[in-house]
Amino acid sequence: MFKKIINVLIDQPFLTSLYVADLAILLLHKPPFIFSLVMMSALIGMSMYYGQKLALFKSN
């Protein structure tokens, strides 16, 4: 499972770098409120994309 996650992150380097940078800015800095909302929505969108791409928990 860990290898599958790493492979998906390596296959999408631009989105992975955006995801990591977005998360780091939100965790380590205090951005303005509106900018923070935009970044949080982008983070949620990328998380949903990676969730669909990985599909770790497939139901039959």
PDB file of N, CA and C in Angstrom:
ATOM      1  N   MET A   1       0.824  -1.186   0.000  1.00  0.00           N
ATOM      2  CA  MET A   1       0.000   0.000   0.000  1.00  0.00           C
ATOM      3  C   MET A   1       0.871   1.255   0.000  1.00  0.00           C
ATOM      4  N   PHE A   2       1.942   1.258   0.801  1.00  0.00           N
ATOM      5  CA  PHE A   2       2.831   2.418   0.862  1.00  0.00           C
ATOM      6  C   PHE A   2       3.518   2.646  -0.474  1.00  0.00           C
ATOM      7  N   LYS A   3       3.893   1.551  -1.152  1.00  0.00           N
ATOM      8  CA  LYS A   3       4.545   1.670  -2.457  1.00  0.00           C
ATOM      9  C   LYS A   3       3.582   2.259  -3.488  1.00  0.00           C
ATOM     10  N   LYS A   4       2.298   1.911  -3.408  1.00  0.00           N
ATOM     11  CA  LYS A   4       1.298   2.445  -4.333  1.00  0.00           C
ATOM     12  C   LYS A   4       1.145   3.955  -4.140  1.00  0.00           C
ATOM     13  N   ILE A   5       1.146   4.415  -2.899  1.00  0.00           N
ATOM     14  CA  ILE A   5       1.033   5.851  -2.609  1.00  0.00           C
ATOM     15  C   ILE A   5       2.236   6.598  -3.162  1.00  0.00           C
ATOM     16  N   ILE A   6       3.428   6.080  -2.925  1.00  0.00           N
ATOM     17  CA  ILE A   6       4.651   6.722  -3.414  1.00  0.00           C
ATOM     18  C   ILE A   6       4.659   6.777  -4.933  1.00  0.00           C
ATOM     19  N   ASN A   7       4.227   5.701  -5.592  1.00  0.00           N
ATOM     20  CA  ASN A   7       4.204   5.687  -7.057  1.00  0.00           C
ATOM     21  C   ASN A   7       3.250   6.720  -7.626  1.00  0.00           C
ATOM     22  N   VAL A   8       2.087   6.887  -7.006  1.00  0.00           N
ATOM     23  CA  VAL A   8       1.132   7.894  -7.489  1.00  0.00           C
ATOM     24  C   VAL A   8       1.695   9.293  -7.278  1.00  0.00           C
ATOM     25  N   LEU A   9       2.340   9.532  -6.145  1.00  0.00           N
ATOM     26  CA  LEU A   9       2.920  10.850  -5.884  1.00  0.00           C
ATOM     27  C   LEU A   9       4.063  11.160  -6.845  1.00  0.00           C
ATOM     28  N   ILE A  10       4.844  10.162  -7.201  1.00  0.00           N
ATOM     29  CA  ILE A  10       5.952  10.365  -8.144  1.00  0.00           C
ATOM     30  C   ILE A  10       5.422  10.573  -9.559  1.00  0.00           C
ATOM     31  N   ASP A  11       4.313   9.908  -9.908  1.00  0.00           N
ATOM     32  CA  ASP A  11       3.742  10.056 -11.247  1.00  0.00           C
ATOM     33  C   ASP A  11       3.154  11.444 -11.484  1.00  0.00           C
ATOM     34  N   GLN A  12       2.780  12.148 -10.433  1.00  0.00           N
ATOM     35  CA  GLN A  12       2.184  13.481 -10.532  1.00  0.00           C
ATOM     36  C   GLN A  12       3.062  14.499  -9.789  1.00  0.00           C
ATOM     37  N   PRO A  13       4.261  14.827 -10.296  1.00  0.00           N
ATOM     38  CA  PRO A  13       5.177  15.674  -9.520  1.00  0.00           C
ATOM     39  C   PRO A  13       4.676  17.101  -9.303  1.00  0.00           C
ATOM     40  N   PHE A  14       3.974  17.671 -10.271  1.00  0.00           N
ATOM     41  CA  PHE A  14       3.491  19.049 -10.125  1.00  0.00           C
ATOM     42  C   PHE A  14       2.421  19.135  -9.041  1.00  0.00           C
ATOM     43  N   LEU A  15       1.452  18.234  -9.090  1.00  0.00           N
ATOM     44  CA  LEU A  15       0.402  18.233  -8.065  1.00  0.00           C
ATOM     45  C   LEU A  15       0.953  17.882  -6.692  1.00  0.00           C
ATOM     46  N   THR A  16       1.923  16.986  -6.641  1.00  0.00           N
ATOM     47  CA  THR A  16       2.520  16.632  -5.359  1.00  0.00           C
ATOM     48  C   THR A  16       3.249  17.817  -4.753  1.00  0.00           C
ATOM     49  N   SER A  17       3.989  18.556  -5.551  1.00  0.00           N
ATOM     50  CA  SER A  17       4.700  19.720  -5.020  1.00  0.00           C
ATOM     51  C   SER A  17       3.721  20.802  -4.576  1.00  0.00           C
ATOM     52  N   LEU A  18       2.633  21.000  -5.332  1.00  0.00           N
ATOM     53  CA  LEU A  18       1.601  21.947  -4.904  1.00  0.00           C
ATOM     54  C   LEU A  18       0.965  21.512  -3.588  1.00  0.00           C
ATOM     55  N   TYR A  19       0.695  20.234  -3.457  1.00  0.00           N
ATOM     56  CA  TYR A  19       0.080  19.694  -2.243  1.00  0.00           C
ATOM     57  C   TYR A  19       0.977  19.904  -1.031  1.00  0.00           C
ATOM     58  N   VAL A  20       2.246  19.579  -1.179  1.00  0.00           N
ATOM     59  CA  VAL A  20       3.196  19.707  -0.067  1.00  0.00           C
ATOM     60  C   VAL A  20       3.414  21.172   0.296  1.00  0.00           C
ATOM     61  N   ALA A  21       3.561  22.035  -0.702  1.00  0.00           N
ATOM     62  CA  ALA A  21       3.769  23.455  -0.435  1.00  0.00           C
ATOM     63  C   ALA A  21       2.529  24.077   0.209  1.00  0.00           C
ATOM     64  N   ASP A  22       1.358  23.722  -0.272  1.00  0.00           N
ATOM     65  CA  ASP A  22       0.107  24.226   0.297  1.00  0.00           C
ATOM     66  C   ASP A  22      -0.040  23.804   1.747  1.00  0.00           C
ATOM     67  N   LEU A  23       0.219  22.544   2.019  1.00  0.00           N
ATOM     68  CA  LEU A  23       0.121  22.040   3.390  1.00  0.00           C
ATOM     69  C   LEU A  23       1.130  22.711   4.306  1.00  0.00           C
ATOM     70  N   ALA A  24       2.347  22.896   3.826  1.00  0.00           N
ATOM     71  CA  ALA A  24       3.386  23.533   4.642  1.00  0.00           C
ATOM     72  C   ALA A  24       3.041  24.987   4.954  1.00  0.00           C
ATOM     73  N   ILE A  25       2.534  25.714   3.965  1.00  0.00           N
ATOM     74  CA  ILE A  25       2.163  27.111   4.205  1.00  0.00           C
ATOM     75  C   ILE A  25       1.028  27.200   5.208  1.00  0.00           C
ATOM     76  N   LEU A  26       0.041  26.323   5.085  1.00  0.00           N
ATOM     77  CA  LEU A  26      -1.078  26.367   6.017  1.00  0.00           C
ATOM     78  C   LEU A  26      -0.664  25.966   7.428  1.00  0.00           C
ATOM     79  N   LEU A  27       0.280  25.047   7.547  1.00  0.00           N
ATOM     80  CA  LEU A  27       0.694  24.593   8.872  1.00  0.00           C
ATOM     81  C   LEU A  27       1.710  25.517   9.532  1.00  0.00           C
ATOM     82  N   LEU A  28       2.613  26.106   8.761  1.00  0.00           N
ATOM     83  CA  LEU A  28       3.740  26.832   9.348  1.00  0.00           C
ATOM     84  C   LEU A  28       3.584  28.345   9.336  1.00  0.00           C
ATOM     85  N   HIS A  29       2.651  28.869   8.565  1.00  0.00           N
ATOM     86  CA  HIS A  29       2.480  30.318   8.476  1.00  0.00           C
ATOM     87  C   HIS A  29       1.047  30.683   8.811  1.00  0.00           C
ATOM     88  N   LYS A  30       0.815  31.949   8.995  1.00  0.00           N
ATOM     89  CA  LYS A  30      -0.536  32.448   9.265  1.00  0.00           C
ATOM     90  C   LYS A  30      -0.969  33.315   8.082  1.00  0.00           C
ATOM     91  N   PRO A  31      -1.472  32.677   6.980  1.00  0.00           N
ATOM     92  CA  PRO A  31      -1.892  33.476   5.824  1.00  0.00           C
ATOM     93  C   PRO A  31      -3.191  34.227   6.131  1.00  0.00           C
ATOM     94  N   PRO A  32      -3.509  35.253   5.346  1.00  0.00           N
ATOM     95  CA  PRO A  32      -4.788  35.952   5.521  1.00  0.00           C
ATOM     96  C   PRO A  32      -5.973  34.992   5.355  1.00  0.00           C
ATOM     97  N   PHE A  33      -7.108  35.367   5.924  1.00  0.00           N
ATOM     98  CA  PHE A  33      -8.253  34.469   6.001  1.00  0.00           C
ATOM     99  C   PHE A  33      -8.751  34.016   4.624  1.00  0.00           C
ATOM    100  N   ILE A  34      -8.963  34.935   3.710  1.00  0.00           N
ATOM    101  CA  ILE A  34      -9.497  34.583   2.386  1.00  0.00           C
ATOM    102  C   ILE A  34      -8.501  33.694   1.633  1.00  0.00           C
ATOM    103  N   PHE A  35      -7.230  34.053   1.687  1.00  0.00           N
ATOM    104  CA  PHE A  35      -6.192  33.242   1.044  1.00  0.00           C
ATOM    105  C   PHE A  35      -6.138  31.853   1.674  1.00  0.00           C
ATOM    106  N   SER A  36      -6.329  31.795   2.982  1.00  0.00           N
ATOM    107  CA  SER A  36      -6.336  30.522   3.681  1.00  0.00           C
ATOM    108  C   SER A  36      -7.510  29.651   3.235  1.00  0.00           C
ATOM    109  N   LEU A  37      -8.665  30.263   3.027  1.00  0.00           N
ATOM    110  CA  LEU A  37      -9.825  29.500   2.540  1.00  0.00           C
ATOM    111  C   LEU A  37      -9.580  28.943   1.138  1.00  0.00           C
ATOM    112  N   VAL A  38      -8.979  29.754   0.280  1.00  0.00           N
ATOM    113  CA  VAL A  38      -8.674  29.293  -1.083  1.00  0.00           C
ATOM    114  C   VAL A  38      -7.671  28.142  -1.042  1.00  0.00           C
ATOM    115  N   MET A  39      -6.648  28.286  -0.216  1.00  0.00           N
ATOM    116  CA  MET A  39      -5.646  27.222  -0.104  1.00  0.00           C
ATOM    117  C   MET A  39      -6.243  25.951   0.486  1.00  0.00           C
ATOM    118  N   MET A  40      -7.126  26.097   1.477  1.00  0.00           N
ATOM    119  CA  MET A  40      -7.753  24.925   2.084  1.00  0.00           C
ATOM    120  C   MET A  40      -8.658  24.209   1.080  1.00  0.00           C
ATOM    121  N   SER A  41      -9.378  24.967   0.264  1.00  0.00           N
ATOM    122  CA  SER A  41     -10.224  24.329  -0.751  1.00  0.00           C
ATOM    123  C   SER A  41      -9.373  23.630  -1.810  1.00  0.00           C
ATOM    124  N   ALA A  42      -8.240  24.207  -2.171  1.00  0.00           N
ATOM    125  CA  ALA A  42      -7.329  23.539  -3.112  1.00  0.00           C
ATOM    126  C   ALA A  42      -6.767  22.262  -2.497  1.00  0.00           C
ATOM    127  N   LEU A  43      -6.448  22.310  -1.218  1.00  0.00           N
ATOM    128  CA  LEU A  43      -5.929  21.129  -0.531  1.00  0.00           C
ATOM    129  C   LEU A  43      -6.976  20.018  -0.479  1.00  0.00           C
ATOM    130  N   ILE A  44      -8.207  20.384  -0.220  1.00  0.00           N
ATOM    131  CA  ILE A  44      -9.292  19.392  -0.197  1.00  0.00           C
ATOM    132  C   ILE A  44      -9.509  18.809  -1.590  1.00  0.00           C
ATOM    133  N   GLY A  45      -9.474  19.654  -2.606  1.00  0.00           N
ATOM    134  CA  GLY A  45      -9.639  19.171  -3.980  1.00  0.00           C
ATOM    135  C   GLY A  45      -8.543  18.207  -4.395  1.00  0.00           C
ATOM    136  N   MET A  46      -7.296  18.544  -4.049  1.00  0.00           N
ATOM    137  CA  MET A  46      -6.187  17.645  -4.392  1.00  0.00           C
ATOM    138  C   MET A  46      -6.274  16.345  -3.597  1.00  0.00           C
ATOM    139  N   SER A  47      -6.726  16.421  -2.355  1.00  0.00           N
ATOM    140  CA  SER A  47      -6.891  15.208  -1.550  1.00  0.00           C
ATOM    141  C   SER A  47      -7.957  14.293  -2.157  1.00  0.00           C
ATOM    142  N   MET A  48      -9.040  14.898  -2.639  1.00  0.00           N
ATOM    143  CA  MET A  48     -10.086  14.101  -3.281  1.00  0.00           C
ATOM    144  C   MET A  48      -9.570  13.479  -4.573  1.00  0.00           C
ATOM    145  N   TYR A  49      -8.762  14.216  -5.335  1.00  0.00           N
ATOM    146  CA  TYR A  49      -8.185  13.675  -6.570  1.00  0.00           C
ATOM    147  C   TYR A  49      -7.284  12.485  -6.261  1.00  0.00           C
ATOM    148  N   TYR A  50      -6.402  12.657  -5.269  1.00  0.00           N
ATOM    149  CA  TYR A  50      -5.511  11.553  -4.909  1.00  0.00           C
ATOM    150  C   TYR A  50      -6.287  10.380  -4.325  1.00  0.00           C
ATOM    151  N   GLY A  51      -7.369  10.646  -3.624  1.00  0.00           N
ATOM    152  CA  GLY A  51      -8.195   9.558  -3.106  1.00  0.00           C
ATOM    153  C   GLY A  51      -8.813   8.733  -4.217  1.00  0.00           C
ATOM    154  N   GLN A  52      -9.281   9.406  -5.277  1.00  0.00           N
ATOM    155  CA  GLN A  52      -9.829   8.686  -6.427  1.00  0.00           C
ATOM    156  C   GLN A  52      -8.736   7.960  -7.199  1.00  0.00           C
ATOM    157  N   LYS A  53      -7.582   8.604  -7.308  1.00  0.00           N
ATOM    158  CA  LYS A  53      -6.473   8.009  -8.067  1.00  0.00           C
ATOM    159  C   LYS A  53      -5.943   6.749  -7.367  1.00  0.00           C
ATOM    160  N   LEU A  54      -5.861   6.799  -6.034  1.00  0.00           N
ATOM    161  CA  LEU A  54      -5.323   5.665  -5.293  1.00  0.00           C
ATOM    162  C   LEU A  54      -6.350   4.552  -5.122  1.00  0.00           C
ATOM    163  N   ALA A  55      -7.573   4.895  -4.749  1.00  0.00           N
ATOM    164  CA  ALA A  55      -8.636   3.907  -4.496  1.00  0.00           C
ATOM    165  C   ALA A  55      -8.111   2.776  -3.624  1.00  0.00           C
ATOM    166  N   LEU A  56      -7.603   3.129  -2.441  1.00  0.00           N
ATOM    167  CA  LEU A  56      -7.011   2.131  -1.556  1.00  0.00           C
ATOM    168  C   LEU A  56      -8.032   1.156  -1.006  1.00  0.00           C
ATOM    169  N   PHE A  57      -9.241   1.634  -0.775  1.00  0.00           N
ATOM    170  CA  PHE A  57     -10.268   0.781  -0.182  1.00  0.00           C
ATOM    171  C   PHE A  57     -11.378   0.546  -1.191  1.00  0.00           C
ATOM    172  N   LYS A  58     -11.164  -0.432  -2.059  1.00  0.00           N
ATOM    173  CA  LYS A  58     -12.148  -0.750  -3.094  1.00  0.00           C
ATOM    174  C   LYS A  58     -13.222  -1.654  -2.512  1.00  0.00           C
ATOM    175  N   SER A  59     -14.472  -1.334  -2.815  1.00  0.00           N
ATOM    176  CA  SER A  59     -15.566  -2.207  -2.407  1.00  0.00           C
ATOM    177  C   SER A  59     -16.009  -3.045  -3.608  1.00  0.00           C
ATOM    178  N   ASN A  60     -16.357  -4.267  -3.339  1.00  0.00           N
ATOM    179  CA  ASN A  60     -16.723  -5.186  -4.440  1.00  0.00           C
ATOM    180  C   ASN A  60     -18.168  -5.089  -4.766  1.00  0.00           C
TER     181      ASN A  60
END
